Structures are given as C-alpha cells and as structure tokens.
Amino acid sequence: MELRFPISLHKEASCVLQLTNRTDDTIAFSTKASRDKYYAQPEEGILPPCSRRYIVVTMRAPEIAPATATQCNDVFLVQSRRVSVSKDDDLVVTPDDIAERLRKLPIGEVVVEEARLPIVYVPLRASPLVSPSRPPSDDFPIRTA
C-alpha cells in the first residue's frame, strides 16, 4: 500500500487513510511524517474494538515540481499498540494519555506495530489516486501480536 498525491504547484493535496481495528482490544495509534511536507488529522488517537477511523493526510503546497512523478523517498509511518483503557490500569486513562504514552515509549519497549507507507507523487492527470496493486475498497488493518 502507498499514499499517492497529485502534484500541483502551490496547491495542497490530500488523501484519506482508513485504519481498521478488527480485534477485541483497544488500539492506540500515532502517525509520523516529515512535518515540513505533510500533516495528518488526527495525528494520533485510539481505535475501540472492531472500529474504523479515517485519517486525512495532506501534502503541503509544493513550491517546485519534482523532476519525475516517482521522485519521492518519503514515507508515512503509522505506529499502533494494544492498550488498556481501564481506570484501574496505570497504563492509560484517556485518549490523550494513550497518545502521550505511545509517543514516549522507550526504545526497545515492547512495541508497537509499525507500517511504513511509501509516498508517491503522481501527475495531476494520472489516475487513480489509489495504488493499482490494491483496490479502493481495501483498508489498512491494525493488528496486534
């Protein structure tokens, strides 16, 4: 799977990523990308059991066009982790706590599943915006070990 952005000078472009939690657990997620080029709404949050969440990823308006449509080495990172939302559990209490703790996990901590989605620039006339290797109806499932 990849994120595809149509390139148009001085105009932002967006695409939607669907996260799906097919488990009976609550999943915390956090997204990361080069902040000077991209931003996501929401950047982090929780997925209740058996739920979906949509993330709008926006590429900031480019000032210069890349030489080719594939001239991009950027990736969009989605990190996820199974969490507890019980008030008796010292791990998390609120969605903000979940996101904060996910951000601050020490390196080497039992993690976090990561998905690295390549970013591809496409000419404005090219279609579709969804990668031909996956039909538009597919989504990005969140799994935990």
C-alpha atoms as a PDB file:
ATOM      1  CA  MET A   1       0.000   0.000   0.000  1.00  0.00           C
ATOM      2  CA  GLU A   2       1.180   3.546  -0.673  1.00  0.00           C
ATOM      3  CA  LEU A   3      -0.112   7.094  -0.355  1.00  0.00           C
ATOM      4  CA  ARG A   4      -0.441   8.855  -3.700  1.00  0.00           C
ATOM      5  CA  PHE A   5      -0.601  12.624  -4.013  1.00  0.00           C
ATOM      6  CA  PRO A   6      -1.383  14.511  -7.216  1.00  0.00           C
ATOM      7  CA  ILE A   7       1.260  17.173  -7.808  1.00  0.00           C
ATOM      8  CA  SER A   8       0.077  20.695  -8.485  1.00  0.00           C
ATOM      9  CA  LEU A   9       2.327  23.662  -7.785  1.00  0.00           C
ATOM     10  CA  HIS A  10       1.259  25.945  -4.934  1.00  0.00           C
ATOM     11  CA  LYS A  11      -1.710  23.691  -4.014  1.00  0.00           C
ATOM     12  CA  GLU A  12      -2.129  21.288  -1.125  1.00  0.00           C
ATOM     13  CA  ALA A  13      -3.249  17.739  -1.890  1.00  0.00           C
ATOM     14  CA  SER A  14      -4.923  15.283   0.471  1.00  0.00           C
ATOM     15  CA  CYS A  15      -5.714  11.602   0.649  1.00  0.00           C
ATOM     16  CA  VAL A  16      -7.623   9.534   3.173  1.00  0.00           C
ATOM     17  CA  LEU A  17      -6.241   6.537   5.026  1.00  0.00           C
ATOM     18  CA  GLN A  18      -8.667   4.189   6.745  1.00  0.00           C
ATOM     19  CA  LEU A  19      -7.460   2.407   9.878  1.00  0.00           C
ATOM     20  CA  THR A  20      -9.424  -0.662  10.917  1.00  0.00           C
ATOM     21  CA  ASN A  21      -9.268  -2.400  14.282  1.00  0.00           C
ATOM     22  CA  ARG A  22     -10.530  -5.935  13.739  1.00  0.00           C
ATOM     23  CA  THR A  23      -9.595  -7.051  17.246  1.00  0.00           C
ATOM     24  CA  ASP A  24     -11.444  -7.120  20.553  1.00  0.00           C
ATOM     25  CA  ASP A  25      -8.780  -4.823  22.031  1.00  0.00           C
ATOM     26  CA  THR A  26      -8.442  -1.054  22.130  1.00  0.00           C
ATOM     27  CA  ILE A  27      -5.619   0.115  19.875  1.00  0.00           C
ATOM     28  CA  ALA A  28      -3.647   3.361  20.221  1.00  0.00           C
ATOM     29  CA  PHE A  29      -2.162   4.800  17.047  1.00  0.00           C
ATOM     30  CA  SER A  30       0.244   7.564  16.179  1.00  0.00           C
ATOM     31  CA  THR A  31       1.310   8.852  12.767  1.00  0.00           C
ATOM     32  CA  LYS A  32       4.587  10.390  11.696  1.00  0.00           C
ATOM     33  CA  ALA A  33       5.820  12.093   8.551  1.00  0.00           C
ATOM     34  CA  SER A  34       8.089  14.963   7.616  1.00  0.00           C
ATOM     35  CA  ARG A  35       6.233  17.907   9.211  1.00  0.00           C
ATOM     36  CA  ASP A  36       7.578  20.400   6.708  1.00  0.00           C
ATOM     37  CA  LYS A  37       5.912  18.455   3.860  1.00  0.00           C
ATOM     38  CA  TYR A  38       2.902  16.639   5.361  1.00  0.00           C
ATOM     39  CA  TYR A  39       0.383  16.780   8.170  1.00  0.00           C
ATOM     40  CA  ALA A  40      -2.334  14.398   9.314  1.00  0.00           C
ATOM     41  CA  GLN A  41      -5.676  14.824  11.047  1.00  0.00           C
ATOM     42  CA  PRO A  42      -5.845  13.245  13.531  1.00  0.00           C
ATOM     43  CA  GLU A  43      -2.159  12.571  14.164  1.00  0.00           C
ATOM     44  CA  GLU A  44      -2.916  10.131  16.965  1.00  0.00           C
ATOM     45  CA  GLY A  45      -5.796   8.584  18.797  1.00  0.00           C
ATOM     46  CA  ILE A  46      -7.499   5.374  19.742  1.00  0.00           C
ATOM     47  CA  LEU A  47      -9.499   2.759  17.911  1.00  0.00           C
ATOM     48  CA  PRO A  48     -12.091   0.999  20.061  1.00  0.00           C
ATOM     49  CA  PRO A  49     -12.565  -2.718  19.418  1.00  0.00           C
ATOM     50  CA  CYS A  50     -13.982  -3.565  15.977  1.00  0.00           C
ATOM     51  CA  SER A  51     -13.956   0.019  14.707  1.00  0.00           C
ATOM     52  CA  ARG A  52     -12.645   2.223  11.906  1.00  0.00           C
ATOM     53  CA  ARG A  53     -11.034   5.636  11.863  1.00  0.00           C
ATOM     54  CA  TYR A  54     -10.171   7.841   8.930  1.00  0.00           C
ATOM     55  CA  ILE A  55      -7.009   9.906   8.771  1.00  0.00           C
ATOM     56  CA  VAL A  56      -6.710  12.757   6.283  1.00  0.00           C
ATOM     57  CA  VAL A  57      -3.088  13.104   5.193  1.00  0.00           C
ATOM     58  CA  THR A  58      -2.284  16.412   3.497  1.00  0.00           C
ATOM     59  CA  MET A  59       0.780  17.273   1.473  1.00  0.00           C
ATOM     60  CA  ARG A  60       1.711  20.917   1.860  1.00  0.00           C
ATOM     61  CA  ALA A  61       1.747  23.002  -1.320  1.00  0.00           C
ATOM     62  CA  PRO A  62       4.976  22.311  -3.227  1.00  0.00           C
ATOM     63  CA  GLU A  63       6.926  25.339  -4.398  1.00  0.00           C
ATOM     64  CA  ILE A  64       8.782  23.424  -7.112  1.00  0.00           C
ATOM     65  CA  ALA A  65       7.717  20.377  -9.095  1.00  0.00           C
ATOM     66  CA  PRO A  66       9.727  17.169  -8.800  1.00  0.00           C
ATOM     67  CA  ALA A  67      11.553  16.108 -11.970  1.00  0.00           C
ATOM     68  CA  THR A  68       9.508  12.896 -12.143  1.00  0.00           C
ATOM     69  CA  ALA A  69       6.325  11.642 -10.573  1.00  0.00           C
ATOM     70  CA  THR A  70       8.188   8.960  -8.653  1.00  0.00           C
ATOM     71  CA  GLN A  71      10.910  11.255  -7.296  1.00  0.00           C
ATOM     72  CA  CYS A  72       9.981  10.857  -3.650  1.00  0.00           C
ATOM     73  CA  ASN A  73      11.662   8.881  -0.885  1.00  0.00           C
ATOM     74  CA  ASP A  74       9.223   9.985   1.821  1.00  0.00           C
ATOM     75  CA  VAL A  75       7.247   7.559   3.960  1.00  0.00           C
ATOM     76  CA  PHE A  76       4.208   7.925   6.178  1.00  0.00           C
ATOM     77  CA  LEU A  77       4.570   5.959   9.408  1.00  0.00           C
ATOM     78  CA  VAL A  78       1.663   4.519  11.388  1.00  0.00           C
ATOM     79  CA  GLN A  79       2.500   3.063  14.801  1.00  0.00           C
ATOM     80  CA  SER A  80      -0.034   1.095  16.811  1.00  0.00           C
ATOM     81  CA  ARG A  81      -0.172  -0.704  20.118  1.00  0.00           C
ATOM     82  CA  ARG A  82      -2.770  -2.635  22.074  1.00  0.00           C
ATOM     83  CA  VAL A  83      -3.679  -0.689  25.223  1.00  0.00           C
ATOM     84  CA  SER A  84      -5.921  -0.924  28.229  1.00  0.00           C
ATOM     85  CA  VAL A  85      -8.392   1.847  28.970  1.00  0.00           C
ATOM     86  CA  SER A  86      -9.412   0.692  32.425  1.00  0.00           C
ATOM     87  CA  LYS A  87      -9.276   3.390  35.101  1.00  0.00           C
ATOM     88  CA  ASP A  88      -7.666   0.780  37.375  1.00  0.00           C
ATOM     89  CA  ASP A  89      -4.845   0.287  34.892  1.00  0.00           C
ATOM     90  CA  ASP A  90      -1.903   2.628  35.347  1.00  0.00           C
ATOM     91  CA  LEU A  91      -1.069   2.423  31.623  1.00  0.00           C
ATOM     92  CA  VAL A  92      -3.828   4.682  30.342  1.00  0.00           C
ATOM     93  CA  VAL A  93      -6.908   6.567  31.361  1.00  0.00           C
ATOM     94  CA  THR A  94      -7.911   8.839  28.487  1.00  0.00           C
ATOM     95  CA  PRO A  95      -7.286   9.000  24.734  1.00  0.00           C
ATOM     96  CA  ASP A  96      -4.793  11.820  25.378  1.00  0.00           C
ATOM     97  CA  ASP A  97      -2.931   9.607  27.857  1.00  0.00           C
ATOM     98  CA  ILE A  98      -2.821   6.820  25.300  1.00  0.00           C
ATOM     99  CA  ALA A  99      -1.362   9.033  22.604  1.00  0.00           C
ATOM    100  CA  GLU A 100       1.125  10.624  25.014  1.00  0.00           C
ATOM    101  CA  ARG A 101       2.376   7.276  26.294  1.00  0.00           C
ATOM    102  CA  LEU A 102       2.657   5.896  22.764  1.00  0.00           C
ATOM    103  CA  ARG A 103       4.830   8.885  21.838  1.00  0.00           C
ATOM    104  CA  LYS A 104       7.077   8.440  24.880  1.00  0.00           C
ATOM    105  CA  LEU A 105       7.705   4.687  24.692  1.00  0.00           C
ATOM    106  CA  PRO A 106      11.364   3.949  25.386  1.00  0.00           C
ATOM    107  CA  ILE A 107      13.341   2.415  22.559  1.00  0.00           C
ATOM    108  CA  GLY A 108      13.250  -1.342  22.966  1.00  0.00           C
ATOM    109  CA  GLU A 109       9.918  -1.277  24.815  1.00  0.00           C
ATOM    110  CA  VAL A 110       7.531  -3.982  23.709  1.00  0.00           C
ATOM    111  CA  VAL A 111       6.030  -2.228  20.874  1.00  0.00           C
ATOM    112  CA  VAL A 112       4.330  -1.082  18.671  1.00  0.00           C
ATOM    113  CA  GLU A 113       3.493  -2.395  15.329  1.00  0.00           C
ATOM    114  CA  GLU A 114       4.702  -0.140  12.554  1.00  0.00           C
ATOM    115  CA  ALA A 115       3.558   0.276   8.985  1.00  0.00           C
ATOM    116  CA  ARG A 116       5.668   2.342   6.604  1.00  0.00           C
ATOM    117  CA  LEU A 117       3.645   3.585   3.666  1.00  0.00           C
ATOM    118  CA  PRO A 118       5.672   4.941   0.753  1.00  0.00           C
ATOM    119  CA  ILE A 119       4.565   8.313  -0.585  1.00  0.00           C
ATOM    120  CA  VAL A 120       4.252   8.650  -4.336  1.00  0.00           C
ATOM    121  CA  TYR A 121       3.755  11.824  -6.349  1.00  0.00           C
ATOM    122  CA  VAL A 122       1.620  11.476  -9.460  1.00  0.00           C
ATOM    123  CA  PRO A 123       0.952  13.937 -12.272  1.00  0.00           C
ATOM    124  CA  LEU A 124      -2.402  15.670 -11.871  1.00  0.00           C
ATOM    125  CA  ARG A 125      -3.787  13.942 -14.968  1.00  0.00           C
ATOM    126  CA  ALA A 126      -2.836  10.454 -13.759  1.00  0.00           C
ATOM    127  CA  SER A 127      -5.350   8.287 -12.014  1.00  0.00           C
ATOM    128  CA  PRO A 128      -6.302   6.548  -9.837  1.00  0.00           C
ATOM    129  CA  LEU A 129      -5.086   8.011  -6.545  1.00  0.00           C
ATOM    130  CA  VAL A 130      -5.263   4.557  -5.017  1.00  0.00           C
ATOM    131  CA  SER A 131      -2.400   2.227  -5.793  1.00  0.00           C
ATOM    132  CA  PRO A 132      -3.293  -0.176  -8.619  1.00  0.00           C
ATOM    133  CA  SER A 133      -1.923  -3.020  -6.502  1.00  0.00           C
ATOM    134  CA  ARG A 134      -4.840  -2.614  -4.060  1.00  0.00           C
ATOM    135  CA  PRO A 135      -8.474  -1.957  -4.889  1.00  0.00           C
ATOM    136  CA  PRO A 136     -10.040   1.207  -3.417  1.00  0.00           C
ATOM    137  CA  SER A 137     -12.249  -0.859  -1.100  1.00  0.00           C
ATOM    138  CA  ASP A 138      -9.246  -2.217   0.811  1.00  0.00           C
ATOM    139  CA  ASP A 139      -8.262  -0.660   4.092  1.00  0.00           C
ATOM    140  CA  PHE A 140      -5.306  -0.637   6.432  1.00  0.00           C
ATOM    141  CA  PRO A 141      -5.969  -3.171   9.209  1.00  0.00           C
ATOM    142  CA  ILE A 142      -4.439  -2.655  12.628  1.00  0.00           C
ATOM    143  CA  ARG A 143      -3.206  -5.914  14.133  1.00  0.00           C
ATOM    144  CA  THR A 144      -1.581  -6.716  17.429  1.00  0.00           C
ATOM    145  CA  ALA A 145       0.567  -9.684  18.272  1.00  0.00           C
END
